[in-house]
Structures are given as structure tokens and as C-alpha cells.
Protein backbone atom coordinates (compact mmCIF):
# COMPACT_ATOMS: atom_id res chain seq x y z
CA MET A 1 169.62 32.88 -2.51
CA PHE A 2 172.42 33.14 0.00
CA LEU A 3 174.44 36.14 0.59
CA ALA A 4 177.36 36.40 3.01
CA ILE A 5 177.07 39.42 5.43
CA PRO A 6 179.17 40.69 8.27
CA ALA A 7 178.93 38.84 11.53
CA VAL A 8 177.34 40.64 14.52
CA ALA A 9 180.24 42.40 16.19
CA GLN A 10 179.48 43.54 19.87
CA THR A 11 181.34 46.70 19.56
CA ALA A 12 179.76 50.07 19.78
CA GLY A 13 178.15 51.56 16.86
CA GLU A 14 176.18 50.69 13.71
CA THR A 15 176.84 47.65 11.52
CA VAL A 16 174.96 46.74 8.37
CA LEU A 17 173.95 43.12 8.82
CA HIS A 18 172.66 43.00 5.15
CA ALA A 19 172.43 45.46 2.17
CA PHE A 20 169.67 44.59 -0.37
CA THR A 21 170.22 44.52 -4.03
CA GLY A 22 166.73 44.46 -5.44
CA ALA A 23 166.68 40.76 -6.59
CA ASP A 24 166.61 39.91 -2.80
CA GLY A 25 164.20 42.84 -1.97
CA GLU A 26 164.03 46.59 -1.72
CA ASN A 27 162.41 49.41 0.13
CA ILE A 28 162.71 47.78 3.56
CA ALA A 29 160.01 49.81 5.25
CA THR A 30 158.70 46.99 7.54
CA GLY A 31 159.78 45.54 10.84
CA LEU A 32 161.63 42.45 11.97
CA VAL A 33 160.60 39.40 14.20
CA LEU A 34 162.79 37.15 16.01
CA GLY A 35 162.47 33.49 15.49
CA PRO A 36 163.46 30.35 17.40
CA LYS A 37 166.50 30.13 19.39
CA GLY A 38 168.74 27.25 18.43
CA VAL A 39 171.68 25.52 20.13
CA CYS A 40 174.36 28.19 20.26
CA ALA A 41 177.78 27.10 19.39
CA GLU A 42 180.68 27.67 21.89
CA GLY A 43 181.57 31.42 21.89
CA VAL A 44 178.54 32.37 19.77
CA PRO A 45 176.40 34.60 22.11
CA TYR A 46 173.25 34.78 19.93
CA CYS A 47 171.67 32.27 17.68
CA ARG A 48 168.06 33.35 16.86
CA ILE A 49 167.00 33.74 13.33
CA ILE A 50 165.65 37.04 12.28
CA TYR A 51 162.64 37.22 9.88
CA GLY A 52 161.56 40.14 7.79
CA THR A 53 159.91 41.25 4.55
CA ALA A 54 160.89 43.67 1.76
CA PRO A 55 157.64 45.24 0.43
CA ASP A 56 159.06 45.56 -2.97
CA GLY A 57 161.77 43.71 -4.99
CA GLY A 58 162.32 39.93 -5.93
CA GLY A 59 161.62 40.60 -9.65
CA THR A 60 160.02 43.11 -11.94
CA ASN A 61 156.38 41.71 -12.22
CA CYS A 62 154.45 44.17 -10.08
CA VAL A 63 153.52 47.91 -10.34
CA ASP A 64 153.68 49.44 -6.95
CA TYR A 65 150.87 51.99 -6.83
CA TRP A 66 151.88 52.79 -3.17
CA SER A 67 155.17 54.05 -4.47
CA GLY A 68 154.26 56.23 -7.42
CA GLY A 69 153.44 53.54 -9.76
CA GLN A 70 156.97 52.05 -10.24
CA THR A 71 157.55 48.74 -11.86
CA THR A 72 159.34 46.50 -9.22
CA GLY A 73 159.05 43.04 -7.73
CA CYS A 74 155.92 42.17 -5.59
CA GLY A 75 158.13 41.61 -2.42
CA VAL A 76 159.80 38.86 -0.51
CA VAL A 77 160.02 37.14 2.87
CA PHE A 78 163.72 36.73 4.04
CA GLU A 79 165.62 35.34 7.01
CA LEU A 80 168.90 36.30 8.53
CA ILE A 81 170.78 33.33 9.88
CA PRO A 82 173.23 33.85 12.61
CA PRO A 83 176.76 32.77 12.53
CA VAL A 84 177.61 29.13 13.58
CA ALA A 85 181.09 29.97 14.90
CA PRO A 86 182.77 33.02 16.34
CA GLY A 87 183.77 35.41 13.37
CA ASP A 88 181.61 33.65 10.79
CA PRO A 89 179.30 35.86 8.88
CA TRP A 90 175.51 35.93 9.00
CA THR A 91 173.82 34.78 5.89
CA GLU A 92 170.57 36.25 4.16
CA GLN A 93 168.10 33.86 2.46
CA THR A 94 164.99 34.58 0.54
CA ILE A 95 162.45 32.10 1.76
CA TYR A 96 159.45 33.33 -0.29
CA THR A 97 158.90 35.54 -3.35
CA PHE A 98 155.47 36.91 -3.96
CA THR A 99 154.00 36.72 -7.56
CA GLY A 100 151.45 39.61 -7.23
CA GLY A 101 148.53 37.29 -7.91
CA ALA A 102 146.33 35.30 -5.64
CA ASP A 103 149.27 34.83 -3.02
CA GLY A 104 149.63 38.59 -2.47
CA ALA A 105 151.90 41.57 -3.18
CA PHE A 106 153.80 44.08 -0.91
CA PRO A 107 153.96 42.13 2.39
CA GLY A 108 153.99 43.85 5.81
CA THR A 109 155.72 43.02 9.09
CA LEU A 110 155.52 39.38 10.04
CA LEU A 111 154.30 37.57 13.14
CA TYR A 112 156.27 34.35 14.40
CA GLY A 113 153.71 31.83 15.15
CA GLY A 114 156.06 29.09 16.47
CA LYS A 115 156.82 25.57 15.13
CA GLY A 116 158.20 26.74 11.91
CA VAL A 117 155.19 28.95 10.99
CA LEU A 118 155.11 32.71 10.11
CA TYR A 119 151.88 34.80 9.76
CA GLY A 120 151.65 38.14 7.72
CA THR A 121 149.63 40.32 5.51
CA ALA A 122 150.18 41.61 1.95
CA LYS A 123 148.63 45.12 0.95
CA ALA A 124 147.63 43.75 -2.36
CA GLY A 125 146.84 40.51 -4.27
CA GLY A 126 143.97 37.99 -3.97
CA PRO A 127 141.59 36.17 -6.38
CA GLY A 128 141.93 37.42 -9.97
CA ALA A 129 144.86 39.81 -8.98
CA SER A 130 147.97 40.18 -11.20
CA GLY A 131 150.95 42.53 -11.16
CA GLY A 132 150.21 44.01 -7.86
CA SER A 133 146.48 44.58 -8.00
CA GLY A 134 143.93 43.20 -5.57
CA LEU A 135 143.07 44.45 -2.11
CA GLY A 136 145.35 42.25 0.00
CA THR A 137 145.77 38.76 1.74
CA LEU A 138 146.17 37.22 5.14
CA TYR A 139 148.70 34.45 4.71
CA GLU A 140 150.70 31.68 6.64
CA LEU A 141 154.17 30.37 5.57
CA GLU A 142 155.40 26.92 6.72
CA GLU A 143 159.13 26.01 6.68
CA PRO A 144 160.04 23.11 4.47
CA LYS A 145 159.98 19.73 6.13
CA GLY A 146 162.52 17.86 4.01
CA GLY A 147 165.11 20.49 3.45
CA GLY A 148 165.22 23.38 0.74
CA SER A 149 165.02 26.88 1.18
CA THR A 150 161.54 27.81 -0.15
CA TRP A 151 158.72 27.98 2.39
CA THR A 152 155.12 26.95 1.45
CA GLU A 153 152.43 29.81 1.46
CA LYS A 154 148.86 29.34 2.33
CA VAL A 155 146.40 32.25 1.83
CA LEU A 156 144.20 32.20 4.89
CA TYR A 157 142.04 35.11 3.71
CA SER A 158 141.56 37.31 0.78
CA PHE A 159 140.19 40.83 1.62
CA CYS A 160 137.32 42.54 -0.08
CA ARG A 161 135.62 39.17 -0.35
CA ARG A 162 132.34 40.78 0.73
CA GLU A 163 130.18 43.14 -1.20
CA ASN A 164 131.64 46.73 -1.12
CA CYS A 165 134.66 45.51 0.76
CA ASP A 166 132.78 45.32 4.11
CA ASP A 167 135.37 43.02 5.41
CA GLY A 168 138.15 45.53 4.74
CA ALA A 169 140.86 46.25 2.06
CA ASN A 170 144.60 46.70 2.19
CA PRO A 171 145.68 45.30 5.51
CA GLY A 172 147.64 47.35 7.79
CA ASP A 173 151.18 46.57 9.32
CA GLY A 174 151.44 43.93 12.00
CA LEU A 175 149.49 41.09 13.49
CA LEU A 176 148.63 40.15 16.97
CA ALA A 177 148.11 36.55 18.02
CA SER A 178 146.00 35.70 21.14
CA GLY A 179 143.71 32.83 22.07
CA GLY A 180 144.07 30.92 18.85
CA ALA A 181 143.28 33.84 16.64
CA LEU A 182 145.04 36.62 14.72
CA TYR A 183 144.01 40.23 14.99
CA GLY A 184 144.90 43.02 12.50
CA THR A 185 143.68 46.06 10.68
CA THR A 186 142.89 47.08 7.18
CA ALA A 187 143.78 50.60 6.30
CA TYR A 188 140.76 50.96 3.96
CA GLY A 189 137.41 49.13 3.27
CA GLY A 190 134.68 48.47 5.73
CA LYS A 191 131.16 49.84 5.70
CA ASP A 192 132.46 53.56 5.22
CA SER A 193 135.68 52.62 3.36
CA GLU A 194 137.81 54.14 6.25
CA GLY A 195 139.41 50.77 7.61
CA THR A 196 138.74 48.00 9.95
CA VAL A 197 139.79 45.87 12.92
CA PHE A 198 139.52 42.06 12.15
CA LYS A 199 139.87 38.76 13.85
CA TYR A 200 140.74 35.52 12.09
CA THR A 201 140.31 32.26 14.21
CA LEU A 202 142.84 29.69 13.61
CA ARG A 203 141.23 26.92 15.46
CA THR A 204 138.93 25.07 13.09
CA SER A 205 137.47 23.19 15.81
CA THR A 206 135.70 26.09 17.67
CA SER A 207 132.18 27.36 16.70
CA ALA A 208 133.58 30.92 16.19
CA PRO A 209 133.39 32.20 12.67
CA GLU A 210 136.66 32.06 10.78
CA PHE A 211 136.65 35.90 9.94
CA GLN A 212 135.16 38.56 11.88
CA THR A 213 135.07 42.30 11.29
CA LEU A 214 135.38 43.65 14.90
CA TYR A 215 134.84 47.29 14.04
CA ALA A 216 134.60 49.40 10.77
CA PHE A 217 135.74 53.08 11.18
CA GLN A 218 133.46 55.81 10.03
CA GLY A 219 135.97 58.46 9.47
CA LEU A 220 134.26 60.88 11.90
CA ASP A 221 135.03 61.25 15.55
CA ASP A 222 136.23 57.54 15.67
CA GLY A 223 139.13 57.87 13.51
CA ALA A 224 140.16 56.69 10.02
CA ILE A 225 142.88 54.73 8.22
CA PRO A 226 144.38 52.36 10.82
CA PHE A 227 147.70 51.78 8.94
CA SER A 228 149.07 49.89 12.09
CA GLY A 229 147.84 46.82 14.06
CA VAL A 230 146.76 46.55 17.58
CA ILE A 231 148.18 45.40 20.72
CA ALA A 232 146.33 43.76 23.81
CA ASP A 233 146.39 44.08 27.58
CA THR A 234 145.94 41.11 30.02
CA SER A 235 142.22 41.48 29.92
CA GLY A 236 141.83 41.18 26.20
CA ILE A 237 141.29 44.71 25.44
CA LEU A 238 142.69 45.81 21.97
CA TYR A 239 144.45 49.20 21.57
CA GLY A 240 145.41 50.94 18.35
CA LEU A 241 145.87 54.10 16.59
CA THR A 242 144.31 55.67 13.41
CA TYR A 243 146.31 58.02 11.13
CA SER A 244 143.54 60.49 10.57
CA GLY A 245 139.96 61.26 11.62
CA GLY A 246 138.83 62.36 15.05
CA GLY A 247 138.13 65.90 14.28
CA THR A 248 138.63 68.68 11.89
CA GLY A 249 142.27 69.54 12.27
CA CYS A 250 145.12 68.56 10.00
CA GLY A 251 143.66 69.90 6.86
CA GLY A 252 140.12 69.00 7.81
CA SER A 253 140.43 65.20 8.01
CA GLY A 254 141.41 65.11 11.56
CA CYS A 255 144.86 64.34 13.15
CA GLY A 256 144.18 60.77 14.24
CA THR A 257 142.77 58.85 17.28
CA ALA A 258 143.73 56.24 19.92
CA TYR A 259 140.99 53.73 20.37
CA GLU A 260 140.20 50.55 22.56
CA LEU A 261 138.13 47.57 21.63
CA SER A 262 136.65 45.80 24.70
CA PRO A 263 135.44 42.32 24.45
CA VAL A 264 131.67 41.93 25.33
CA GLY A 265 130.75 38.83 27.22
CA SER A 266 132.42 35.80 25.84
CA GLY A 267 134.37 38.04 23.33
CA ALA A 268 132.30 37.17 20.40
CA THR A 269 131.67 41.00 19.91
CA TYR A 270 133.74 44.03 20.83
CA GLU A 271 132.81 47.70 21.67
CA GLU A 272 134.85 50.54 20.35
CA SER A 273 135.68 53.64 22.32
CA VAL A 274 138.02 56.42 21.38
CA ILE A 275 140.44 56.88 24.19
CA TYR A 276 142.05 60.15 22.67
CA ARG A 277 141.65 62.49 19.79
CA PHE A 278 144.85 64.09 18.54
CA GLN A 279 144.76 67.72 17.79
CA GLY A 280 147.68 68.52 15.87
CA GLU A 281 150.45 71.11 16.54
CA PRO A 282 151.32 71.66 19.31
CA ASP A 283 149.74 68.29 20.20
CA THR A 284 150.63 65.03 18.43
CA ALA A 285 149.33 64.30 14.89
CA GLN A 286 149.29 61.26 12.43
CA PRO A 287 150.34 58.66 14.98
CA GLY A 288 151.98 55.56 13.49
CA GLY A 289 153.21 52.23 14.52
CA ARG A 290 151.86 50.03 17.33
CA MET A 291 151.75 51.47 20.95
CA THR A 292 153.68 50.01 23.74
CA LEU A 293 151.88 49.06 26.97
CA LEU A 294 154.28 50.50 29.47
CA SER A 295 152.13 49.27 32.53
CA PRO A 296 148.33 48.84 33.04
CA GLY A 297 146.62 51.94 31.90
CA HIS A 298 149.70 53.60 30.43
CA LEU A 299 150.26 53.46 26.62
CA VAL A 300 153.24 55.05 24.75
CA GLY A 301 153.47 55.74 21.15
CA VAL A 302 154.75 57.87 18.17
CA GLY A 303 153.41 60.93 16.37
CA GLY A 304 154.83 61.37 12.93
CA ILE A 305 154.15 65.04 13.02
CA GLY A 306 152.83 67.46 15.67
CA GLY A 307 154.38 68.96 18.81
CA ASP A 308 155.84 72.35 19.33
CA THR A 309 157.56 72.57 15.85
CA ASN A 310 155.34 70.09 14.10
CA TYR A 311 158.27 67.53 13.55
CA GLY A 312 156.86 64.70 15.76
CA THR A 313 156.27 63.57 19.23
CA ILE A 314 156.40 60.60 21.63
CA PHE A 315 153.36 60.51 23.89
CA GLU A 316 151.91 58.82 26.83
CA LEU A 317 148.30 58.06 27.39
CA ILE A 318 147.12 57.69 30.86
CA SER A 319 143.89 55.99 31.77
CA PRO A 320 141.28 57.56 33.90
CA GLY A 321 140.33 54.15 35.12
CA THR A 322 136.84 53.96 33.50
CA VAL A 323 136.27 52.09 30.37
CA GLY A 324 134.99 54.29 27.52
CA ALA A 325 136.34 57.60 29.15
CA LEU A 326 138.86 59.84 27.46
CA TRP A 327 142.41 59.32 28.48
CA THR A 328 144.92 61.99 29.37
CA GLU A 329 147.93 62.63 27.06
CA MET A 330 151.35 63.63 28.15
CA ILE A 331 153.93 64.66 25.58
CA LEU A 332 157.22 63.02 26.53
CA THR A 333 159.23 64.70 23.95
CA ASP A 334 158.95 67.13 20.95
CA PHE A 335 161.20 66.47 18.11
CA GLY A 336 163.22 69.48 16.74
CA ILE A 337 163.48 71.56 13.56
CA PRO A 338 166.00 69.65 11.24
CA ASN A 339 168.94 71.17 9.82
CA LEU A 340 169.92 73.22 12.64
CA ASP A 341 173.00 73.31 14.91
CA PRO A 342 173.04 71.40 17.28
CA PRO A 343 171.23 68.69 15.07
CA ASP A 344 168.08 67.06 16.12
CA SER A 345 165.89 64.15 15.17
CA SER A 346 162.64 64.69 13.15
CA PHE A 347 159.76 62.76 11.86
CA PRO A 348 159.86 59.72 14.33
CA ASN A 349 158.36 56.69 13.17
CA GLY A 350 157.32 52.97 13.71
CA ASN A 351 157.68 50.98 16.82
CA LEU A 352 159.67 51.72 19.98
CA ALA A 353 162.06 49.20 21.62
CA LEU A 354 162.09 49.29 25.44
CA ALA A 355 165.45 48.75 27.07
CA SER A 356 166.20 47.05 30.33
CA ASP A 357 166.81 50.52 32.03
CA GLY A 358 163.47 51.87 31.05
CA SER A 359 164.50 53.89 28.21
CA PHE A 360 162.83 53.88 24.75
CA TRP A 361 164.83 53.59 21.50
CA GLY A 362 163.63 54.49 18.04
CA THR A 363 164.24 55.94 14.73
CA SER A 364 163.45 58.93 12.94
CA TYR A 365 163.04 59.44 9.12
CA GLY A 366 164.82 62.72 9.18
CA GLY A 367 167.21 64.86 11.04
CA GLY A 368 170.61 63.89 12.30
CA ALA A 369 174.27 65.22 12.06
CA THR A 370 174.35 64.69 8.29
CA ASP A 371 171.04 66.40 7.65
CA ILE A 372 170.41 67.28 4.01
CA TYR A 373 167.40 69.04 2.49
CA ASN A 374 166.08 67.46 -0.79
CA GLY A 375 162.75 68.98 -1.81
CA ASN A 376 160.55 68.61 1.28
CA VAL A 377 162.41 65.69 2.91
CA TYR A 378 165.21 65.95 5.47
CA TYR A 379 167.71 63.22 5.22
CA ALA A 380 168.90 60.91 6.41
CA GLY A 381 167.49 59.88 9.76
CA THR A 382 168.70 58.95 13.23
CA ILE A 383 168.50 56.37 16.02
CA PHE A 384 167.55 58.10 19.28
CA GLN A 385 167.24 57.22 23.11
CA LEU A 386 164.38 58.58 25.25
CA GLN A 387 165.28 58.29 28.87
CA PRO A 388 162.81 58.45 31.65
CA PRO A 389 163.03 61.06 34.51
CA SER A 390 165.53 60.73 37.05
CA GLN A 391 164.55 60.73 40.66
CA GLY A 392 163.09 64.19 41.68
CA SER A 393 162.75 65.20 38.02
CA GLY A 394 159.67 65.14 35.74
CA GLN A 395 161.41 65.66 32.47
CA TRP A 396 162.30 62.92 29.94
CA SER A 397 165.46 63.40 28.05
CA ARG A 398 166.21 62.51 24.45
CA ASN A 399 169.46 62.16 22.61
CA ILE A 400 170.67 61.21 19.21
CA ARG A 401 172.53 57.97 19.41
CA TYR A 402 173.45 57.60 15.71
CA SER A 403 173.04 59.66 12.59
CA PHE A 404 172.88 57.87 9.29
CA ALA A 405 175.22 59.22 6.72
CA GLY A 406 172.67 59.53 3.89
CA PRO A 407 173.17 60.29 0.22
CA GLY A 408 175.33 63.33 0.98
CA GLY A 409 177.34 61.66 3.92
CA LEU A 410 180.20 59.31 4.08
CA GLY A 411 179.36 56.06 5.68
CA PRO A 412 181.70 53.31 6.96
CA ALA A 413 182.57 52.28 3.49
CA GLY A 414 181.25 55.07 1.22
CA PHE A 415 178.18 57.31 0.35
CA GLY A 416 174.93 55.85 1.99
CA THR A 417 176.50 52.40 2.78
CA ASP A 418 175.25 52.49 6.36
CA GLY A 419 171.70 52.92 5.20
CA PHE A 420 169.33 55.92 5.34
CA LEU A 421 165.74 56.77 5.81
CA PRO A 422 164.89 54.17 8.58
CA GLY A 423 161.10 53.82 8.34
CA TRP A 424 159.77 51.35 10.90
CA GLY A 425 161.63 51.45 14.28
CA LEU A 426 163.61 49.05 16.27
CA ILE A 427 163.46 45.53 17.99
CA ASN A 428 165.62 44.38 20.86
CA GLY A 429 168.57 42.45 19.66
CA PRO A 430 171.34 40.50 21.42
CA ASP A 431 173.22 41.73 24.45
CA GLY A 432 171.52 45.12 24.78
CA SER A 433 171.74 46.09 21.02
CA PHE A 434 168.93 46.99 18.70
CA ILE A 435 168.05 45.90 15.13
CA GLY A 436 166.19 47.81 12.65
CA THR A 437 165.75 48.53 8.82
CA THR A 438 166.36 51.34 6.48
CA THR A 439 164.33 51.95 3.37
CA GLU A 440 167.30 52.93 1.24
CA GLY A 441 171.05 52.89 1.35
CA GLY A 442 173.43 49.97 1.66
CA GLY A 443 175.83 51.01 -1.22
CA TYR A 444 174.45 48.79 -4.04
CA GLY A 445 172.64 49.84 -7.02
CA CYS A 446 168.90 49.41 -6.93
CA PRO A 447 166.46 48.90 -9.75
CA VAL A 448 163.93 51.45 -8.52
CA GLN A 449 165.52 53.28 -5.70
CA GLY A 450 168.85 54.47 -7.46
CA SER A 451 172.50 53.81 -7.02
CA LEU A 452 172.75 54.28 -3.12
CA GLY A 453 170.91 51.07 -2.41
CA CYS A 454 167.80 49.19 -1.78
CA GLY A 455 167.73 49.38 2.04
CA THR A 456 169.44 47.45 4.96
CA VAL A 457 168.96 45.64 8.10
CA PHE A 458 171.29 47.07 10.66
CA GLN A 459 172.42 46.41 14.24
CA PHE A 460 173.16 49.21 16.73
CA VAL A 461 175.21 48.59 19.90
CA PRO A 462 174.89 51.44 22.29
CA PHE A 463 178.12 53.31 23.23
């Protein structure tokens, strides 16, 4: 499936690179990854393919239990191909459509493995699954060698293979590649059904086991439900976040933790330590996405709620220099109460992009200049910039750089056409721009999400 989309224009503001229609995917709540760089044509400044997934869409053969039991497609993998000449459009192509069976269903954010290979996880699917059942897969996609548009999928591992799902269930969002292995998380499963961190060794010539559960969360002080994947420092220590656990706050389940997994000896086993337990308002709560390693011993992440007003934070964790000791937290910014004048961002989410000037760029699920209250959700979301302290000042400053129009606002070409409800964050794009996704909007009708669209991929060029 090929669809023409507007070319990347290096003018300030937001541009929709692709608006999904359902047949090519919907509910774009996952992130993007940059592929290889080709040979740029004269006058074309950017020629890297962008890969992504749509967790839903591509047909009507799955029941998405994660979105209220709606009948939808099982998800797709797509690529955005840059223009071949100045002024030409980008094109979108579906390169794999999930069936909801053994291959998986409801894919998460991809990892580019080089040489025409992508790795990813799907929240459902596996042996004997159909229609979106099952407990998830880890898979590889290989580009076609002799032409054609459909990539070949190979399931590397199906979760809940072991008794009582000791190996984990429902993999989280995002993989890490290091030393010939893939590292990731499962949101559930494990010995206590509170999620796991796993390692899958790609090198079949090694003596290491193919699949290892590095840690199974207990749902107590150590945390529970690691929705997102891990990152690593240069010494091989893994860092991640859990959505809940760690205490008794946030309704009794705990407000989440930050943890580290340190390799022991040759790295065959890992030792887990909690480095911070989030407390909830006015502290951070329910952290999400993967943290950014700002410098050795300094991690920056996003709290979906918490802070002074309970509408989210961006936090920094600072190491005491001792493995296993609790780190110090610094709240870099508290997000504001939505629907006020002047407007503010609320409910930040996903991954942050680090700009060359040291500022962080991200998205919020709510707030903005076109804020509209609908039930208990504040539309329509923002792009924000968090700037580090100037010399002699200890305060970070945060500003809205773009407000999505939303269902009640007028976008560049009509209601909701610029997208709304960004749900994952941003990646760095060409020439200082940022690229992200929205879960809804785009202006086309959508089989499940209504008349305002199935979501978008957008580019934002700072003013």
C-alpha cells in the first residue's frame, strides 16, 4: 500500500507526514525509529527511512482487549520513505500486517538492527493464539531480497512458554541491543505476575542460553508493571522504570520505581537494585517511557502524573556513586493544571528527545491552547521544550512550542487534521526538527476511533 504524503518542509511549525486511515493502521501510540541513510539526491537534505508500528488497524480480525474490547486490525509495521527530489512527497508503505495468531498482535516500538533487519515485540499472539489472544511475541523482520514490499517475519520467542508464565507475558514497549543480545521487559508474568526483564541472545554460536529472565518483579518495594524497556550505560548496567509498586501510595499499589540491573561477573546473571521509589504528589508518580542517560550517574525521565498539581513531572535521578544505594531525585519541572489561562501542558508521556543545545523536547497527552474537557481527559496535547538553567541560575524553564488543534480546534486543513493526543514522545529528525506520532486525528474517518482520524506521524520544526 503506497500513499503520497507531504514532503518535509523545513519551515517552522508542525507538518503531518502521514495521516492513517485504518487500513494502514490506527492508534499510533508507539514510537518511531530511524533506518539507514541512503545516497541523498542533490538538494534533498534528508534521506533516512523512518520505521514505525500501528498497534491496531490493518484489518478487522482482532479484538483489542487493551482498548475496551473493540474489533480492529491486529496492527501493522510501516515505513516512511523520504522524497527522491526536492518538492517530491514522502510515501508510506505497509511492510507487514499482523494476523493475531502465532506471529503476534498489537506491536510496540521497533529497533533497527542494521542490514535490513528490524526487531520488535507484540503484546499478544503466540502459539495457538487467534484474534488477538495470546501473551506476546518477540520477532524479527527481514526486508525482501528480490524486490516487493512485504517483509518476512520470524518469531524469535513466544512468551508464557514456561509454566505459570515465569518467562513473562505481554512484552513492554522498546528493545535494547547490546553485545549480540536483545534486552526488554514484559509488563506482566514472571514468578509473581508483576513483570520481568529479559535477555534474548542472537548469537547462536555462544554457549549462553537463548532466552533468560534477568529479573522478575515481586510487586512490593521493588516495583511492578515495567511497561517500557531498559537503557544501558557504558559499563553494561541496565536502567528502567516500573509503573507501580515501590510503596503504598497511589491508591495502595505504589507509585512506581526506578531500578538498575548490574551484571555479575561475566554477565550471565544480574543483580537488581531499586535506585528510587516514587512517592506521588508532590513527587513523581507512574513514570513512563525509557529514561535518558544525560551523563554518567544522571538519568532523566517522565512522570505521567505527580508533581505539585498531580499533572506530571520531568525528573532527574542523581547517583550517590555507590551501587545499590538510593539515588537523589530532582524535579526539573512540574506540569500545570490544564484548561487555565495561560495554557499549560499536562500529562507528559513517552520518550524525550535531547537537542544539540541541551534542551529536552517532548509531548504531553493533554493541555495546550486548544484545551477541551471531555469526561476526565483534557485534549488535545502539546509539544514542549525544557531548557537547562542559564549560567548562574538553577531553574529549568519549560514552554509550549505547539498546541495540537484537537477535536474542537481548527487545524491546518480542518478539525483535528494536525493530529491530537500524542502518546509516545519524540525522536530527533532532520536539521534540528523532531518527529512524533499522535494516537488520533489526521482528518480521515477511522473504523474504531471515529471521524477525526486514526492518528498521524508529524514533524515539528522549531520556530
